[in-house]
C-alpha cells in the first residue's frame, strides 16, 4: 500500500499554519502563510476572507513541494480555524464585506439586547457561553442593525474554515465545535437554538448546516482544483474550531488533562463528558472535535498580542539587535527579561489591550501598568507583560479547580511555548508542571489532521495522538518564585476590581 497523506490547515489570526502528515501520523512538512488584520476602530478587528483562500492555495503548493508529495497521494484535507467570527457571504461564496473576527468587540449593544430578552444565565446554560459581543450572534445582529445593505446580500454566515470549505466544495457547512462559539447552538442537543434565534431576531436559514468534525462534507470541485493544486474529488473533512482542535492536538482527549495555548490570544482548556457551568460564568464550553466530549475553556483576548504590541511599540533596540544577530526579536526580549527577578520588582501589567473575554468579560477593560517607578527599565516591562498574561490565565485555571477539576500538569502549545522564560513563569504562577511537546506550534493543525485522518479511516482513532504529541521538556515550578507570584496575583485581582469603574468611564464616548 502506498503512503497516503493528510493536509491540515489552521486558519489562525496571524496566518495559515498548514501541515502534512502521513498515514503513520508522522509530520512530513509544515508551512506558514501570513495575512493582515485590520483595526478600523477601537475594539474592531477585521480580515479579508480572500486572504484566507490565497493562504490556503499557497500553503498547499508549498507543502507538496517541501514534502516531495504528489497531489494524487493526498487522501483528504481538513481544517481548523479561528472561531466566533462573522463571515458573511453570497450564494456564490463571495464575501459581502470583510470578516468580523473573534477579537472584535463592537457589538456591545446587541449582546445587551440578548441579555435583556433572555438573561445571561439562560443563554449560558443553553449555549455553554455567556452572551458577549465576542460571539457571532451579536456580530450578526450588529450587521443587521448597522449595515442593512450588506445584510440583505447575505446568503450564509460562516467561519474562517467554513468559507474555504464552501469555496472548495460548494457546500455551506460548519461543525459542532465551531458552531458552539456562536451563542446560537444548544450544546446539549447539538441543534441551533430556536429560542435564541427568536430573541436575536435572526433566521436559521442564514446559518450553515451542522456536522460532526470528522464528517466528509464534500469534495474538491473541478473549477478550483488547479488553483489549490490538488485533484478534483479529493475528500474534504470539515474539522473544527481552533480551540477544540488544539485540545485534540495537545492530546487532551481524556478527562483529567489540561492544555494552555499561547498565540495572539491564549486559553486554558480541559476535556469532560459534560459541560462545566461555572456559577460566575468565568469559563465556557466548546463542543470537542471528539464525539461525545466537551472542552471547557477560558480564553483571554491579548496574550501574544500584548507581547507583539510591546515589540512593535517599545522594543526598537531589541528589533535592531535581532536583525544584527539573525534571531527573533522575541528571543532578544526574553534575554532582557531574564535579567529581571520574578515579580518585575512589583511592576504589574494588566493585559486588556482589546477588552477582555474570560475571565473578566469586560469589553471596556484597558491595558494598564501598575507600580511603575523611576528605577524600572524596559526589561522590567517586558517581563511584567509575560507575568500579567500568566496572572490572567490563572484566574481561568482557578475557575476549573473551583468546579472540582483535577489538573496535575498543563500541556503548553502555540508560539508562546517556544520562549525560554514564559513557560517557566507559567509554571511558577500556576504552581503545576508545564509539558512542552515536540510539535507544540503545530498542535492545532495536528488536531485538524486527526479529524481528517479519523474521518476517512486513515487513522484508527484519536488515540494515535498519544504517539503524535510527545513531551520534549517538563518545566517544574520554582517554589521561591511561586511565593512571590502568589502575593502579586492577589494584587493583580484587587487592582482590576479597583479599576473596573474607571474602565467604564474611559469607555464612555
Protein backbone atom coordinates (compact mmCIF):
# COMPACT_ATOMS: atom_id res chain seq x y z
CA UNK A 1 0.00 0.00 0.00
CA UNK A 2 1.40 3.39 -0.98
CA UNK A 3 1.81 6.07 1.64
CA UNK A 4 -1.14 8.43 1.92
CA UNK A 5 -1.20 11.90 3.45
CA UNK A 6 -3.50 14.36 5.19
CA UNK A 7 -3.13 18.10 4.70
CA UNK A 8 -4.42 20.12 7.64
CA UNK A 9 -4.90 23.89 7.60
CA UNK A 10 -5.11 26.04 10.72
CA UNK A 11 -6.53 29.43 9.75
CA UNK A 12 -5.40 31.45 12.75
CA UNK A 13 -5.32 35.15 13.49
CA UNK A 14 -1.91 35.94 12.03
CA UNK A 15 -1.90 33.40 9.24
CA UNK A 16 -2.46 29.87 7.99
CA UNK A 17 -0.32 27.19 9.64
CA UNK A 18 -0.55 24.18 7.33
CA UNK A 19 0.86 20.71 7.94
CA UNK A 20 1.33 17.44 6.07
CA UNK A 21 1.03 14.11 7.95
CA UNK A 22 1.43 10.60 6.61
CA UNK A 23 -0.80 7.63 7.47
CA UNK A 24 1.55 6.71 10.34
CA UNK A 25 0.87 10.07 11.99
CA UNK A 26 4.32 11.46 11.19
CA UNK A 27 4.76 15.16 10.42
CA UNK A 28 6.39 15.40 6.99
CA UNK A 29 6.21 19.14 6.27
CA UNK A 30 4.80 22.39 7.59
CA UNK A 31 4.50 25.93 6.34
CA UNK A 32 3.05 29.27 7.35
CA UNK A 33 1.44 31.94 5.18
CA UNK A 34 0.55 35.20 6.92
CA UNK A 35 -2.19 37.73 6.32
CA UNK A 36 -3.27 41.09 7.70
CA UNK A 37 -5.71 42.07 10.43
CA UNK A 38 -7.38 45.46 10.17
CA UNK A 39 -8.43 47.62 13.14
CA UNK A 40 -10.66 50.35 11.68
CA UNK A 41 -11.92 51.49 15.08
CA UNK A 42 -11.37 50.88 18.80
CA UNK A 43 -12.26 47.27 19.63
CA UNK A 44 -12.88 46.45 15.96
CA UNK A 45 -10.94 43.66 14.21
CA UNK A 46 -11.46 42.51 10.63
CA UNK A 47 -9.82 40.33 7.98
CA UNK A 48 -10.24 39.76 4.25
CA UNK A 49 -11.66 36.26 3.59
CA UNK A 50 -9.98 36.21 0.19
CA UNK A 51 -6.65 36.40 2.05
CA UNK A 52 -7.51 33.09 3.73
CA UNK A 53 -8.17 31.50 0.36
CA UNK A 54 -4.88 32.76 -1.05
CA UNK A 55 -3.06 31.48 2.05
CA UNK A 56 -4.61 28.01 1.68
CA UNK A 57 -3.69 27.78 -2.01
CA UNK A 58 -0.13 28.97 -1.40
CA UNK A 59 0.36 26.69 1.59
CA UNK A 60 -0.86 23.65 -0.32
CA UNK A 61 1.71 24.07 -3.07
CA UNK A 62 4.48 24.72 -0.55
CA UNK A 63 3.60 21.57 1.41
CA UNK A 64 3.59 19.36 -1.66
CA UNK A 65 6.98 20.77 -2.65
CA UNK A 66 8.53 20.51 0.82
CA UNK A 67 7.15 17.05 1.47
CA UNK A 68 8.02 15.79 -2.05
CA UNK A 69 4.47 14.53 -2.34
CA UNK A 70 2.17 14.46 -5.37
CA UNK A 71 -1.44 15.61 -5.34
CA UNK A 72 -2.62 12.04 -6.02
CA UNK A 73 -1.14 10.96 -2.67
CA UNK A 74 -3.38 13.30 -0.64
CA UNK A 75 -6.07 11.19 1.00
CA UNK A 76 -8.01 14.16 2.32
CA UNK A 77 -7.71 17.71 3.58
CA UNK A 78 -9.10 19.04 6.84
CA UNK A 79 -9.38 22.30 8.73
CA UNK A 80 -9.01 24.17 11.97
CA UNK A 81 -9.88 27.84 12.15
CA UNK A 82 -10.34 30.89 14.30
CA UNK A 83 -13.75 30.82 15.96
CA UNK A 84 -16.54 33.24 16.89
CA UNK A 85 -16.36 35.22 13.67
CA UNK A 86 -18.90 36.58 11.24
CA UNK A 87 -18.03 35.76 7.63
CA UNK A 88 -20.96 36.97 5.55
CA UNK A 89 -21.06 35.52 2.04
CA UNK A 90 -23.27 35.40 -1.04
CA UNK A 91 -24.58 32.22 -2.66
CA UNK A 92 -21.51 32.34 -4.92
CA UNK A 93 -19.22 32.27 -1.84
CA UNK A 94 -18.16 35.88 -2.30
CA UNK A 95 -17.59 37.94 0.86
CA UNK A 96 -20.26 40.57 1.44
CA UNK A 97 -17.72 42.58 3.46
CA UNK A 98 -14.58 41.99 5.49
CA UNK A 99 -14.95 39.26 8.09
CA UNK A 100 -15.57 40.44 11.64
CA UNK A 101 -13.20 38.20 13.61
CA UNK A 102 -13.17 36.82 17.15
CA UNK A 103 -11.25 39.76 18.65
CA UNK A 104 -13.90 42.28 17.61
CA UNK A 105 -15.92 43.77 20.48
CA UNK A 106 -18.10 46.29 18.68
CA UNK A 107 -21.48 44.60 19.24
CA UNK A 108 -21.92 45.54 22.91
CA UNK A 109 -25.46 46.88 22.40
CA UNK A 110 -26.55 43.75 20.56
CA UNK A 111 -25.18 41.45 23.26
CA UNK A 112 -27.02 43.54 25.86
CA UNK A 113 -30.22 43.22 23.82
CA UNK A 114 -29.95 39.44 24.03
CA UNK A 115 -29.34 39.65 27.78
CA UNK A 116 -32.40 41.87 28.26
CA UNK A 117 -34.62 39.33 26.46
CA UNK A 118 -33.36 36.02 27.86
CA UNK A 119 -30.93 36.79 30.68
CA UNK A 120 -27.27 35.83 30.95
CA UNK A 121 -27.84 32.62 32.89
CA UNK A 122 -30.34 31.15 30.45
CA UNK A 123 -28.14 31.81 27.44
CA UNK A 124 -25.12 30.44 29.32
CA UNK A 125 -26.92 27.19 30.10
CA UNK A 126 -28.23 26.74 26.55
CA UNK A 127 -25.05 27.60 24.66
CA UNK A 128 -22.36 26.99 27.29
CA UNK A 129 -21.31 30.63 26.88
CA UNK A 130 -22.46 33.87 28.43
CA UNK A 131 -23.80 36.39 25.89
CA UNK A 132 -20.99 38.66 24.73
CA UNK A 133 -20.00 40.90 21.80
CA UNK A 134 -17.19 38.39 21.22
CA UNK A 135 -19.60 35.83 19.80
CA UNK A 136 -21.09 35.51 16.34
CA UNK A 137 -24.72 36.13 17.33
CA UNK A 138 -24.10 39.72 18.47
CA UNK A 139 -21.90 40.39 15.42
CA UNK A 140 -24.60 39.19 13.02
CA UNK A 141 -27.12 41.37 14.85
CA UNK A 142 -24.74 44.34 14.51
CA UNK A 143 -24.57 43.81 10.74
CA UNK A 144 -28.36 43.74 10.58
CA UNK A 145 -28.63 46.94 12.64
CA UNK A 146 -25.73 48.94 11.18
CA UNK A 147 -25.18 47.69 7.60
CA UNK A 148 -28.63 46.98 6.24
CA UNK A 149 -27.46 46.90 2.64
CA UNK A 150 -24.78 44.31 3.33
CA UNK A 151 -27.13 42.27 5.49
CA UNK A 152 -29.63 41.92 2.63
CA UNK A 153 -26.92 40.38 0.46
CA UNK A 154 -26.07 37.62 2.96
CA UNK A 155 -26.77 34.04 1.93
CA UNK A 156 -24.89 32.40 4.82
CA UNK A 157 -22.80 33.44 7.80
CA UNK A 158 -19.76 31.19 8.16
CA UNK A 159 -16.45 30.90 10.00
CA UNK A 160 -12.97 31.13 8.51
CA UNK A 161 -12.55 27.42 7.78
CA UNK A 162 -16.15 27.13 6.56
CA UNK A 163 -15.57 29.87 4.00
CA UNK A 164 -12.65 27.95 2.48
CA UNK A 165 -14.61 24.67 2.60
CA UNK A 166 -17.54 26.33 0.79
CA UNK A 167 -15.19 27.66 -1.89
CA UNK A 168 -13.70 24.17 -2.30
CA UNK A 169 -16.87 22.08 -2.23
CA UNK A 170 -19.81 24.37 -2.90
CA UNK A 171 -21.36 23.31 0.41
CA UNK A 172 -22.17 25.75 3.23
CA UNK A 173 -21.46 23.79 6.39
CA UNK A 174 -19.85 24.03 9.80
CA UNK A 175 -19.08 21.62 12.62
CA UNK A 176 -20.43 21.44 16.15
CA UNK A 177 -17.26 22.80 17.74
CA UNK A 178 -17.19 25.98 15.61
CA UNK A 179 -20.96 26.34 15.97
CA UNK A 180 -20.52 26.23 19.75
CA UNK A 181 -18.73 29.59 19.51
CA UNK A 182 -21.72 31.46 18.09
CA UNK A 183 -24.00 31.91 21.13
CA UNK A 184 -26.62 30.20 18.96
CA UNK A 185 -26.07 26.45 19.43
CA UNK A 186 -27.81 24.31 22.03
CA UNK A 187 -24.70 22.42 23.09
CA UNK A 188 -26.59 19.55 24.70
CA UNK A 189 -28.96 18.97 21.78
CA UNK A 190 -26.38 19.94 19.11
CA UNK A 191 -29.01 21.98 17.29
CA UNK A 192 -29.47 25.67 16.57
CA UNK A 193 -31.44 27.14 19.46
CA UNK A 194 -34.78 28.38 18.18
CA UNK A 195 -35.32 30.33 21.40
CA UNK A 196 -32.11 32.34 20.98
CA UNK A 197 -32.66 32.84 17.25
CA UNK A 198 -36.10 34.28 18.03
CA UNK A 199 -34.70 36.59 20.71
CA UNK A 200 -31.95 37.74 18.34
CA UNK A 201 -34.49 38.18 15.51
CA UNK A 202 -32.35 36.08 13.17
CA UNK A 203 -33.40 33.41 10.68
CA UNK A 204 -31.93 29.92 10.86
CA UNK A 205 -31.67 29.96 7.06
CA UNK A 206 -28.55 32.16 7.17
CA UNK A 207 -26.71 29.60 9.31
CA UNK A 208 -24.68 26.72 7.85
CA UNK A 209 -25.59 23.03 8.04
CA UNK A 210 -24.26 21.29 11.16
CA UNK A 211 -21.85 18.34 11.07
CA UNK A 212 -19.55 16.30 13.25
CA UNK A 213 -15.91 17.39 12.98
CA UNK A 214 -14.93 14.10 11.35
CA UNK A 215 -17.54 14.28 8.56
CA UNK A 216 -16.54 14.33 4.91
CA UNK A 217 -18.62 17.33 3.83
CA UNK A 218 -17.76 17.36 0.14
CA UNK A 219 -15.04 17.01 -2.46
CA UNK A 220 -12.78 19.49 -4.22
CA UNK A 221 -14.57 20.87 -7.25
CA UNK A 222 -13.01 20.90 -10.70
CA UNK A 223 -13.23 24.68 -11.01
CA UNK A 224 -10.90 25.25 -8.02
CA UNK A 225 -8.65 22.17 -8.20
CA UNK A 226 -5.91 23.84 -10.25
CA UNK A 227 -5.97 26.93 -8.06
CA UNK A 228 -5.38 24.98 -4.87
CA UNK A 229 -3.08 22.47 -6.53
CA UNK A 230 -4.99 19.30 -5.60
CA UNK A 231 -7.03 16.78 -7.56
CA UNK A 232 -10.72 17.28 -8.10
CA UNK A 233 -12.62 14.77 -5.99
CA UNK A 234 -10.22 14.91 -3.03
CA UNK A 235 -12.30 14.45 0.16
CA UNK A 236 -12.75 17.48 2.41
CA UNK A 237 -13.27 16.86 6.13
CA UNK A 238 -14.78 19.84 7.93
CA UNK A 239 -12.53 19.67 11.02
CA UNK A 240 -13.14 22.01 13.93
CA UNK A 241 -12.71 25.34 15.61
CA UNK A 242 -9.16 26.08 16.69
CA UNK A 243 -9.97 25.75 20.39
CA UNK A 244 -11.27 22.21 20.07
CA UNK A 245 -8.64 21.20 17.51
CA UNK A 246 -5.95 22.46 19.88
CA UNK A 247 -7.33 20.23 22.63
CA UNK A 248 -7.12 17.17 20.36
CA UNK A 249 -3.68 18.11 19.02
CA UNK A 250 -2.34 18.59 22.55
CA UNK A 251 -3.52 15.10 23.47
CA UNK A 252 -6.24 16.42 25.78
CA UNK A 253 -8.66 13.72 24.68
CA UNK A 254 -9.46 12.26 28.10
CA UNK A 255 -10.74 13.65 31.38
CA UNK A 256 -8.06 14.92 33.75
CA UNK A 257 -5.84 16.51 31.11
CA UNK A 258 -5.36 20.24 30.52
CA UNK A 259 -3.59 22.41 27.99
CA UNK A 260 -2.65 26.06 27.55
CA UNK A 261 -2.48 27.61 24.10
CA UNK A 262 -0.47 30.82 23.77
CA UNK A 263 -0.81 32.66 20.48
CA UNK A 264 -2.35 36.07 19.74
CA UNK A 265 -4.97 35.09 22.28
CA UNK A 266 -4.46 32.46 24.96
CA UNK A 267 -6.65 29.89 26.56
CA UNK A 268 -6.69 27.06 29.04
CA UNK A 269 -8.87 24.06 28.27
CA UNK A 270 -9.74 20.66 29.68
CA UNK A 271 -11.79 17.68 28.49
CA UNK A 272 -15.03 16.44 30.07
CA UNK A 273 -18.03 14.29 29.18
CA UNK A 274 -20.42 17.08 30.15
CA UNK A 275 -20.25 20.88 30.04
CA UNK A 276 -18.95 22.71 33.13
CA UNK A 277 -21.25 25.55 34.15
CA UNK A 278 -19.23 27.93 36.32
CA UNK A 279 -21.55 29.79 38.76
CA UNK A 280 -19.72 33.03 37.96
CA UNK A 281 -19.69 32.27 34.22
CA UNK A 282 -15.94 32.87 34.04
CA UNK A 283 -15.41 29.93 31.70
CA UNK A 284 -17.35 28.45 28.80
CA UNK A 285 -17.76 25.22 26.86
CA UNK A 286 -16.74 24.23 23.37
CA UNK A 287 -18.03 21.05 21.84
CA UNK A 288 -14.94 18.84 21.41
CA UNK A 289 -13.98 17.52 17.97
CA UNK A 290 -14.25 14.03 19.50
CA UNK A 291 -17.91 12.96 19.53
CA UNK A 292 -19.47 12.84 22.98
CA UNK A 293 -16.91 15.11 24.64
CA UNK A 294 -16.74 18.79 25.59
CA UNK A 295 -13.83 21.14 26.08
CA UNK A 296 -14.49 23.61 28.93
CA UNK A 297 -12.24 26.59 28.27
CA UNK A 298 -11.36 30.11 29.30
CA UNK A 299 -9.91 32.41 26.64
CA UNK A 300 -8.27 35.79 27.13
CA UNK A 301 -8.02 38.34 24.32
CA UNK A 302 -4.48 39.72 24.21
CA UNK A 303 -1.72 37.30 25.24
CA UNK A 304 0.77 37.02 22.40
CA UNK A 305 -0.92 40.13 21.03
CA UNK A 306 0.32 42.01 24.12
CA UNK A 307 3.87 40.79 23.53
CA UNK A 308 3.63 41.66 19.83
CA UNK A 309 2.34 45.16 20.69
CA UNK A 310 5.24 45.61 23.11
CA UNK A 311 7.72 44.50 20.45
CA UNK A 312 6.33 46.86 17.82
CA UNK A 313 5.80 49.92 20.03
CA UNK A 314 8.64 49.90 22.55
CA UNK A 315 11.32 47.35 21.69
CA UNK A 316 13.11 49.06 18.80
CA UNK A 317 16.55 48.29 20.25
CA UNK A 318 15.67 44.60 20.58
CA UNK A 319 14.41 44.51 17.00
CA UNK A 320 17.68 46.03 15.77
CA UNK A 321 19.81 43.62 17.81
CA UNK A 322 17.76 40.70 16.50
CA UNK A 323 18.50 41.79 12.92
CA UNK A 324 22.21 42.02 13.67
CA UNK A 325 22.27 38.60 15.39
CA UNK A 326 19.95 36.89 12.93
CA UNK A 327 17.44 35.84 15.60
CA UNK A 328 13.83 36.58 16.51
CA UNK A 329 13.15 39.88 18.34
CA UNK A 330 11.27 37.79 20.90
CA UNK A 331 14.45 35.88 21.71
CA UNK A 332 16.24 39.16 22.44
CA UNK A 333 13.28 40.37 24.51
CA UNK A 334 13.36 37.12 26.50
CA UNK A 335 17.07 37.62 27.21
CA UNK A 336 16.36 41.11 28.53
CA UNK A 337 13.52 39.89 30.74
CA UNK A 338 15.72 37.14 32.18
CA UNK A 339 17.85 39.87 33.77
CA UNK A 340 14.88 40.92 35.93
CA UNK A 341 13.82 38.99 39.06
CA UNK A 342 10.46 37.25 39.37
CA UNK A 343 7.73 39.80 40.00
CA UNK A 344 9.47 42.51 37.96
CA UNK A 345 10.17 44.37 41.19
CA UNK A 346 6.43 44.85 41.84
CA UNK A 347 5.55 46.07 38.35
CA UNK A 348 2.20 44.60 37.24
CA UNK A 349 0.74 44.55 33.74
CA UNK A 350 -2.99 44.09 33.14
CA UNK A 351 -3.32 42.55 29.64
CA UNK A 352 -6.50 44.18 28.41
CA UNK A 353 -5.43 45.87 25.18
CA UNK A 354 -8.55 44.60 23.39
CA UNK A 355 -11.09 44.47 26.17
CA UNK A 356 -11.40 41.05 27.75
CA UNK A 357 -13.29 37.82 27.42
CA UNK A 358 -12.69 35.15 30.05
CA UNK A 359 -12.30 35.63 32.95
CA UNK A 360 -13.43 39.29 33.16
CA UNK A 361 -15.94 39.50 30.29
CA UNK A 362 -15.45 43.23 30.04
CA UNK A 363 -15.13 44.78 26.55
CA UNK A 364 -14.30 48.12 28.21
CA UNK A 365 -11.24 46.86 30.13
CA UNK A 366 -7.97 48.58 29.20
CA UNK A 367 -4.33 47.60 29.27
CA UNK A 368 -2.62 49.00 32.38
CA UNK A 369 0.81 49.15 34.03
CA UNK A 370 0.68 49.45 37.81
CA UNK A 371 3.61 50.21 40.07
CA UNK A 372 5.89 51.87 37.50
CA UNK A 373 8.78 53.72 39.15
CA UNK A 374 11.90 55.61 38.07
CA UNK A 375 14.04 52.50 38.62
CA UNK A 376 12.08 50.29 36.23
CA UNK A 377 13.53 49.63 32.78
CA UNK A 378 12.22 48.31 29.52
CA UNK A 379 13.42 44.87 30.65
CA UNK A 380 11.09 45.10 33.65
CA UNK A 381 8.19 45.98 31.37
CA UNK A 382 8.95 43.04 29.09
CA UNK A 383 8.90 40.59 31.97
CA UNK A 384 5.82 42.24 33.51
CA UNK A 385 3.92 41.70 30.26
CA UNK A 386 4.59 37.95 30.38
CA UNK A 387 3.69 37.78 34.07
CA UNK A 388 0.46 39.74 33.59
CA UNK A 389 -0.75 37.29 30.96
CA UNK A 390 0.05 34.40 33.31
CA UNK A 391 -1.84 36.05 36.21
CA UNK A 392 -4.89 36.48 34.00
CA UNK A 393 -4.77 32.86 32.86
CA UNK A 394 -4.51 31.69 36.48
CA UNK A 395 -7.97 33.14 37.12
CA UNK A 396 -9.25 30.76 34.43
CA UNK A 397 -7.34 27.83 35.90
CA UNK A 398 -8.78 28.51 39.35
CA UNK A 399 -12.30 28.51 37.92
CA UNK A 400 -11.82 24.91 36.80
CA UNK A 401 -10.28 23.91 40.11
CA UNK A 402 -13.23 25.50 41.91
CA UNK A 403 -15.53 23.17 39.93
CA UNK A 404 -13.63 20.08 41.02
CA UNK A 405 -11.30 19.59 38.07
CA UNK A 406 -8.04 17.78 38.86
CA UNK A 407 -5.06 19.21 37.00
CA UNK A 408 -1.61 17.79 37.72
CA UNK A 409 0.19 19.29 34.71
CA UNK A 410 -0.55 21.55 31.74
CA UNK A 411 0.46 20.89 28.15
CA UNK A 412 1.74 24.11 26.59
CA UNK A 413 1.23 24.72 22.87
CA UNK A 414 1.37 27.64 20.44
CA UNK A 415 4.08 30.15 19.64
CA UNK A 416 4.40 31.25 23.27
CA UNK A 417 5.64 27.76 24.14
CA UNK A 418 8.89 28.42 22.28
CA UNK A 419 10.41 31.01 24.58
CA UNK A 420 12.85 30.30 27.38
CA UNK A 421 11.12 32.39 30.02
CA UNK A 422 7.35 32.35 29.50
CA UNK A 423 6.90 28.60 30.19
CA UNK A 424 8.81 28.98 33.46
CA UNK A 425 6.72 31.99 34.50
CA UNK A 426 3.56 29.97 33.80
CA UNK A 427 4.79 27.00 35.83
CA UNK A 428 5.65 29.34 38.72
CA UNK A 429 2.33 31.21 38.61
CA UNK A 430 0.13 28.12 38.05
CA UNK A 431 2.17 26.01 40.50
CA UNK A 432 1.98 22.93 38.29
CA UNK A 433 4.50 21.44 35.82
CA UNK A 434 4.36 22.60 32.21
CA UNK A 435 4.73 19.95 29.48
CA UNK A 436 6.21 21.13 26.18
CA UNK A 437 5.53 18.91 23.17
CA UNK A 438 7.82 18.19 20.23
CA UNK A 439 5.45 19.84 17.75
CA UNK A 440 3.84 22.46 20.00
CA UNK A 441 3.47 25.07 17.25
CA UNK A 442 1.68 22.56 15.01
CA UNK A 443 -0.67 21.26 17.73
CA UNK A 444 -3.77 22.99 16.39
CA UNK A 445 -3.25 21.85 12.81
CA UNK A 446 -2.41 18.42 14.26
CA UNK A 447 -5.90 18.39 15.77
CA UNK A 448 -7.33 19.18 12.35
CA UNK A 449 -5.22 16.39 10.82
CA UNK A 450 -6.66 13.99 13.39
CA UNK A 451 -10.22 14.84 12.39
CA UNK A 452 -9.31 14.25 8.75
CA UNK A 453 -7.44 11.00 9.29
CA UNK A 454 -10.12 9.59 11.60
CA UNK A 455 -12.87 10.89 9.32
CA UNK A 456 -11.73 8.89 6.29
CA UNK A 457 -10.42 5.89 8.25
CA UNK A 458 -6.73 6.63 7.62
CA UNK A 459 -6.16 6.76 11.40
CA UNK A 460 -7.82 4.07 13.56
CA UNK A 461 -8.88 6.54 16.27
CA UNK A 462 -7.93 9.78 18.03
CA UNK A 463 -5.68 7.69 20.30
CA UNK A 464 -2.95 7.98 17.66
CA UNK A 465 -2.27 11.43 19.15
CA UNK A 466 -0.51 9.68 22.04
CA UNK A 467 2.29 8.98 19.57
CA UNK A 468 1.99 12.25 17.66
CA UNK A 469 2.16 14.56 20.72
CA UNK A 470 5.26 13.55 22.66
CA UNK A 471 6.72 15.60 25.52
CA UNK A 472 10.19 17.01 24.89
CA UNK A 473 10.56 19.03 28.10
CA UNK A 474 8.97 19.35 31.53
CA UNK A 475 9.20 22.76 33.23
CA UNK A 476 8.76 22.47 37.00
CA UNK A 477 7.64 25.34 39.27
CA UNK A 478 10.27 27.28 41.20
CA UNK A 479 8.85 27.38 44.73
CA UNK A 480 10.56 30.65 45.65
CA UNK A 481 9.17 32.37 42.59
CA UNK A 482 5.72 30.92 43.23
CA UNK A 483 5.64 32.59 46.64
CA UNK A 484 6.44 35.96 45.06
CA UNK A 485 3.75 35.47 42.43
CA UNK A 486 1.09 34.48 44.97
CA UNK A 487 1.20 37.94 46.55
CA UNK A 488 1.33 39.79 43.24
CA UNK A 489 -1.51 37.67 41.86
CA UNK A 490 -3.72 38.86 44.71
CA UNK A 491 -2.75 42.48 44.00
CA UNK A 492 -3.42 41.91 40.27
CA UNK A 493 -7.02 40.86 41.04
CA UNK A 494 -7.54 43.64 43.56
CA UNK A 495 -6.25 46.18 41.05
CA UNK A 496 -8.69 45.01 38.39
CA UNK A 497 -11.61 45.29 40.82
CA UNK A 498 -10.49 48.80 41.77
CA UNK A 499 -10.23 49.93 38.15
CA UNK A 500 -13.48 48.49 36.85
CA UNK A 501 -15.41 51.75 37.22
CA UNK A 502 -12.52 53.71 35.69
CA UNK A 503 -12.64 51.45 32.63
CA UNK A 504 -16.33 52.26 32.27
CA UNK A 505 -15.62 55.99 32.41
CA UNK A 506 -12.85 55.66 29.82
CA UNK A 507 -15.21 53.74 27.57
CA UNK A 508 -17.89 56.44 27.54
CA UNK A 509 -17.81 58.33 24.25
